[in-house]
Amino acid sequence: MRPVHNTSYRYPHEDLILTLTLMLVFGVIFFTATATVCGSVLFVGAMLIIAYFATSNQHQSLLKTAQKVTPQTHPQLYEMVEECRATLQAEPVQTFVANRNALNAYTFGLTSPKVVVIYSALGDVMDEDEAKFIIGHELGHVRLGHTWLNSLVGGMAGIPSPFMGAILMEAAFLWWNRACEYSADRAGLLACGDVNKAISALVKIGVGLQVSQGMDGELFATHPMIAKRIDELKKWAASAEYGKLVRG
């Protein structure tokens, strides 16, 4: 796959949703500032510091419990990560394999290098192209700035506030989160280059997500329903925009 030098594949309105989310968060903070101390600049700064140390502690925990991916420890996986990173023009990352039975992967980090964590069970059920979709999805979060924004916006959305304010902030943050997942799916498709493989990877990891969402639908879910993600990916794969990105 040829390198993608821009981020035009970002899901439509993702930036608008982020702006609306931030406006809502700051609006709730402003209107409840008389009842709480959470509207101050110092408090927001404290939330940033807490987020920084939380990610730092998470990183240190990984170093103790997971295996870092290097050319020596996981040569094939290391090459796949580097290939996907080159395609998406993402910054260098540290990749870890965590010994977990769940089918999952995630990324985190406020500062560079960001960290990508891949659960070992994925290696048992994914072929190479499906794995590239998963890796590309996580690198898409890095390339599009979701990783540090998630820590920042999520921290602010978690600021204590009156009941309805807390619900509104959480719902808005998760709305933006779901838009980010659509964008990252597009990055995953660009990384693997095969929409059928991308869909099969989504189906495999989607079972656990579907169960965790249960009957509550999407309103308070971090990820869109798997059927919607597949439908959106199919439509984008058939678009002129996708064709232009892959063919130049």
Protein backbone atom coordinates (compact mmCIF):
# COMPACT_ATOMS: atom_id res chain seq x y z
CA MET A 1 0.00 0.00 0.00
CA ARG A 2 1.33 3.44 -0.93
CA PRO A 3 1.96 5.89 1.93
CA VAL A 4 -0.97 8.13 2.89
CA HIS A 5 0.50 11.53 3.63
CA ASN A 6 -2.66 13.29 4.81
CA THR A 7 -5.55 12.60 7.15
CA SER A 8 -8.38 13.24 4.72
CA TYR A 9 -9.78 9.82 5.64
CA ARG A 10 -10.95 11.22 8.99
CA TYR A 11 -14.63 10.44 9.52
CA PRO A 12 -16.90 13.36 8.51
CA HIS A 13 -17.81 15.72 11.35
CA GLU A 14 -15.38 14.13 13.83
CA ASP A 15 -13.77 17.53 14.46
CA LEU A 16 -17.20 19.17 14.75
CA ILE A 17 -18.30 16.56 17.29
CA LEU A 18 -15.10 17.19 19.28
CA THR A 19 -15.76 20.94 19.24
CA LEU A 20 -19.35 20.46 20.41
CA THR A 21 -18.17 18.05 23.11
CA LEU A 22 -15.63 20.56 24.43
CA MET A 23 -18.22 23.35 24.34
CA LEU A 24 -20.62 21.21 26.35
CA VAL A 25 -17.95 20.19 28.86
CA PHE A 26 -16.81 23.77 29.44
CA GLY A 27 -20.43 24.94 29.50
CA VAL A 28 -21.31 22.48 32.25
CA ILE A 29 -18.19 23.46 34.19
CA PHE A 30 -19.04 27.17 33.85
CA PHE A 31 -22.66 26.86 34.94
CA THR A 32 -21.83 24.63 37.90
CA ALA A 33 -18.72 26.52 39.00
CA THR A 34 -20.58 28.21 41.84
CA ALA A 35 -21.34 24.82 43.37
CA THR A 36 -17.99 23.17 42.73
CA VAL A 37 -14.33 24.04 42.44
CA CYS A 38 -14.05 22.18 39.17
CA GLY A 39 -14.41 25.17 36.90
CA SER A 40 -11.04 26.64 37.72
CA VAL A 41 -8.03 26.56 35.46
CA LEU A 42 -6.07 24.99 38.30
CA PHE A 43 -8.48 22.08 38.45
CA VAL A 44 -8.25 21.42 34.71
CA GLY A 45 -4.47 21.58 35.03
CA ALA A 46 -4.64 19.07 37.86
CA MET A 47 -6.70 16.75 35.64
CA LEU A 48 -3.95 16.92 33.01
CA ILE A 49 -1.30 16.05 35.57
CA ILE A 50 -3.38 13.15 36.83
CA ALA A 51 -3.88 11.89 33.26
CA TYR A 52 -0.14 12.13 32.62
CA PHE A 53 0.79 10.11 35.70
CA ALA A 54 -1.99 7.60 35.03
CA THR A 55 -0.62 6.86 31.56
CA SER A 56 2.91 6.76 32.94
CA ASN A 57 1.90 4.20 35.57
CA GLN A 58 0.08 2.18 32.91
CA HIS A 59 3.26 2.16 30.84
CA GLN A 60 5.38 1.02 33.77
CA SER A 61 2.90 -1.75 34.52
CA LEU A 62 3.12 -2.94 30.93
CA LEU A 63 6.90 -3.12 31.12
CA LYS A 64 6.48 -5.59 33.99
CA THR A 65 3.64 -7.74 32.66
CA ALA A 66 3.75 -7.57 28.84
CA GLN A 67 6.42 -8.30 26.27
CA LYS A 68 7.80 -5.46 24.20
CA VAL A 69 7.74 -6.07 20.45
CA THR A 70 11.21 -5.86 18.90
CA PRO A 71 12.86 -7.38 15.82
CA GLN A 72 14.23 -10.04 18.16
CA THR A 73 11.15 -10.93 20.22
CA HIS A 74 8.42 -10.73 17.55
CA PRO A 75 10.07 -10.21 14.13
CA GLN A 76 6.92 -10.73 12.03
CA LEU A 77 4.72 -8.54 14.22
CA TYR A 78 7.41 -5.86 14.37
CA GLU A 79 7.58 -5.76 10.57
CA MET A 80 3.80 -5.52 10.30
CA VAL A 81 3.69 -2.60 12.72
CA GLU A 82 6.44 -0.79 10.81
CA GLU A 83 4.73 -1.46 7.48
CA CYS A 84 1.40 -0.12 8.74
CA ARG A 85 3.12 2.85 10.35
CA ALA A 86 4.84 3.70 7.06
CA THR A 87 1.54 3.45 5.17
CA LEU A 88 -0.24 5.80 7.57
CA GLN A 89 2.80 8.02 8.17
CA ALA A 90 2.28 7.59 11.91
CA GLU A 91 4.88 8.53 14.49
CA PRO A 92 7.07 5.78 16.03
CA VAL A 93 5.29 3.80 18.73
CA GLN A 94 6.16 1.23 21.36
CA THR A 95 4.25 -2.01 20.85
CA PHE A 96 3.56 -4.60 23.55
CA VAL A 97 1.97 -8.04 23.50
CA ALA A 98 -0.13 -8.72 26.60
CA ASN A 99 -0.93 -12.31 27.49
CA ARG A 100 -4.72 -12.08 27.43
CA ASN A 101 -7.46 -14.39 26.15
CA ALA A 102 -9.69 -11.55 24.96
CA LEU A 103 -9.63 -10.32 21.35
CA ASN A 104 -8.57 -6.74 21.84
CA ALA A 105 -5.96 -4.09 21.15
CA TYR A 106 -5.68 -0.50 22.33
CA THR A 107 -3.39 2.50 22.36
CA PHE A 108 -2.63 5.16 24.95
CA GLY A 109 -0.26 7.99 25.74
CA LEU A 110 -0.17 11.74 26.25
CA THR A 111 3.45 12.08 25.12
CA SER A 112 5.60 10.33 22.54
CA PRO A 113 6.19 7.55 21.95
CA LYS A 114 2.58 6.43 22.17
CA VAL A 115 1.97 2.81 23.19
CA VAL A 116 0.06 0.13 21.27
CA VAL A 117 -1.01 -2.97 23.20
CA ILE A 118 -2.03 -6.13 21.36
CA TYR A 119 -3.62 -9.05 23.19
CA SER A 120 -1.92 -12.36 22.45
CA ALA A 121 -5.21 -14.11 21.60
CA LEU A 122 -5.43 -12.05 18.40
CA GLY A 123 -2.49 -14.00 17.00
CA ASP A 124 -4.50 -17.22 17.29
CA VAL A 125 -7.48 -16.09 15.21
CA MET A 126 -6.25 -13.36 12.84
CA ASP A 127 -4.40 -13.90 9.59
CA GLU A 128 -1.77 -11.37 8.47
CA ASP A 129 -4.13 -9.02 6.63
CA GLU A 130 -6.67 -9.07 9.46
CA ALA A 131 -3.87 -8.31 11.92
CA LYS A 132 -2.79 -5.38 9.75
CA PHE A 133 -6.31 -3.98 9.99
CA ILE A 134 -6.18 -4.18 13.79
CA ILE A 135 -2.71 -2.62 13.91
CA GLY A 136 -3.69 0.06 11.40
CA HIS A 137 -6.80 0.86 13.42
CA GLU A 138 -4.70 1.52 16.53
CA LEU A 139 -2.07 3.48 14.59
CA GLY A 140 -4.92 5.51 13.09
CA HIS A 141 -5.81 6.65 16.61
CA VAL A 142 -2.19 7.78 17.01
CA ARG A 143 -1.98 9.47 13.60
CA LEU A 144 -5.25 11.34 14.04
CA GLY A 145 -4.44 12.60 17.54
CA HIS A 146 -7.10 10.55 19.30
CA THR A 147 -4.69 9.06 21.82
CA TRP A 148 -3.74 12.21 23.71
CA LEU A 149 -7.11 13.86 23.11
CA ASN A 150 -8.86 10.86 24.63
CA SER A 151 -6.89 11.29 27.85
CA LEU A 152 -7.50 15.05 27.89
CA VAL A 153 -11.18 15.15 26.93
CA GLY A 154 -12.00 12.03 28.93
CA GLY A 155 -10.44 13.59 32.01
CA MET A 156 -12.48 16.77 31.63
CA ALA A 157 -15.67 14.82 30.95
CA GLY A 158 -15.06 13.02 34.23
CA ILE A 159 -15.00 16.23 36.25
CA PRO A 160 -17.51 15.98 39.14
CA SER A 161 -20.70 17.88 38.37
CA PRO A 162 -24.45 17.74 39.08
CA PHE A 163 -26.17 14.55 37.93
CA MET A 164 -27.56 15.75 34.57
CA GLY A 165 -24.33 17.59 33.78
CA ALA A 166 -22.31 14.43 34.36
CA ILE A 167 -24.62 12.43 32.10
CA LEU A 168 -24.44 15.04 29.32
CA MET A 169 -20.65 15.25 29.46
CA GLU A 170 -20.26 11.47 29.42
CA ALA A 171 -22.69 11.08 26.50
CA ALA A 172 -20.93 13.81 24.50
CA PHE A 173 -17.48 12.32 25.13
CA LEU A 174 -18.65 8.88 24.03
CA TRP A 175 -20.30 10.38 20.93
CA TRP A 176 -16.89 11.74 19.92
CA ASN A 177 -15.29 8.41 20.86
CA ARG A 178 -17.54 6.56 18.43
CA ALA A 179 -16.70 8.99 15.61
CA CYS A 180 -13.02 8.30 16.31
CA GLU A 181 -13.64 4.57 15.90
CA TYR A 182 -15.04 5.10 12.40
CA SER A 183 -11.94 7.12 11.50
CA ALA A 184 -9.63 4.46 12.92
CA ASP A 185 -11.47 1.75 10.96
CA ARG A 186 -10.66 3.69 7.79
CA ALA A 187 -7.01 3.81 8.82
CA GLY A 188 -7.12 0.06 9.39
CA LEU A 189 -8.49 -0.49 5.90
CA LEU A 190 -5.74 1.67 4.40
CA ALA A 191 -3.18 -0.39 6.30
CA CYS A 192 -4.46 -3.80 5.22
CA GLY A 193 -5.73 -2.84 1.75
CA ASP A 194 -8.54 -5.43 1.64
CA VAL A 195 -12.07 -4.52 2.71
CA ASN A 196 -13.08 -8.18 3.07
CA LYS A 197 -10.20 -8.83 5.47
CA ALA A 198 -11.07 -5.66 7.36
CA ILE A 199 -14.66 -6.82 7.75
CA SER A 200 -13.64 -10.32 8.87
CA ALA A 201 -11.36 -8.78 11.51
CA LEU A 202 -14.21 -6.59 12.74
CA VAL A 203 -16.53 -9.59 12.94
CA LYS A 204 -14.00 -11.53 15.01
CA ILE A 205 -13.35 -8.76 17.54
CA GLY A 206 -16.95 -7.56 17.45
CA VAL A 207 -18.44 -10.45 19.39
CA GLY A 208 -16.99 -9.27 22.70
CA LEU A 209 -17.90 -5.65 22.03
CA GLN A 210 -21.46 -6.58 21.13
CA VAL A 211 -21.88 -8.55 24.34
CA SER A 212 -20.47 -5.72 26.46
CA GLN A 213 -22.88 -3.22 24.89
CA GLY A 214 -25.82 -5.51 25.57
CA MET A 215 -29.24 -3.99 25.05
CA ASP A 216 -28.26 -0.44 25.92
CA GLY A 217 -27.39 0.47 22.34
CA GLU A 218 -24.80 3.11 21.57
CA LEU A 219 -25.60 6.10 23.74
CA PHE A 220 -23.19 5.12 26.51
CA ALA A 221 -20.89 2.87 24.46
CA THR A 222 -17.31 3.67 23.47
CA HIS A 223 -17.67 1.87 20.13
CA PRO A 224 -20.42 1.95 17.49
CA MET A 225 -22.41 -1.25 16.95
CA ILE A 226 -20.35 -3.64 14.83
CA ALA A 227 -22.94 -3.77 12.04
CA LYS A 228 -22.73 0.02 11.65
CA ARG A 229 -18.94 -0.09 11.54
CA ILE A 230 -19.02 -2.70 8.79
CA ASP A 231 -21.63 -0.76 6.83
CA GLU A 232 -19.64 2.50 7.09
CA LEU A 233 -16.44 0.74 6.04
CA LYS A 234 -18.11 -0.86 3.01
CA LYS A 235 -19.47 2.49 1.87
CA TRP A 236 -16.12 4.21 2.29
CA ALA A 237 -14.24 1.39 0.49
CA ALA A 238 -16.54 1.92 -2.51
CA SER A 239 -16.07 5.70 -2.51
CA ALA A 240 -14.02 7.83 -4.88
CA GLU A 241 -12.18 9.24 -1.86
CA TYR A 242 -10.82 5.81 -0.92
CA GLY A 243 -9.90 5.04 -4.51
CA LYS A 244 -7.96 8.28 -4.77
CA LEU A 245 -6.03 7.55 -1.58
CA VAL A 246 -4.97 4.04 -2.61
CA ARG A 247 -4.29 4.75 -6.29
CA GLY A 248 -2.95 8.29 -6.08
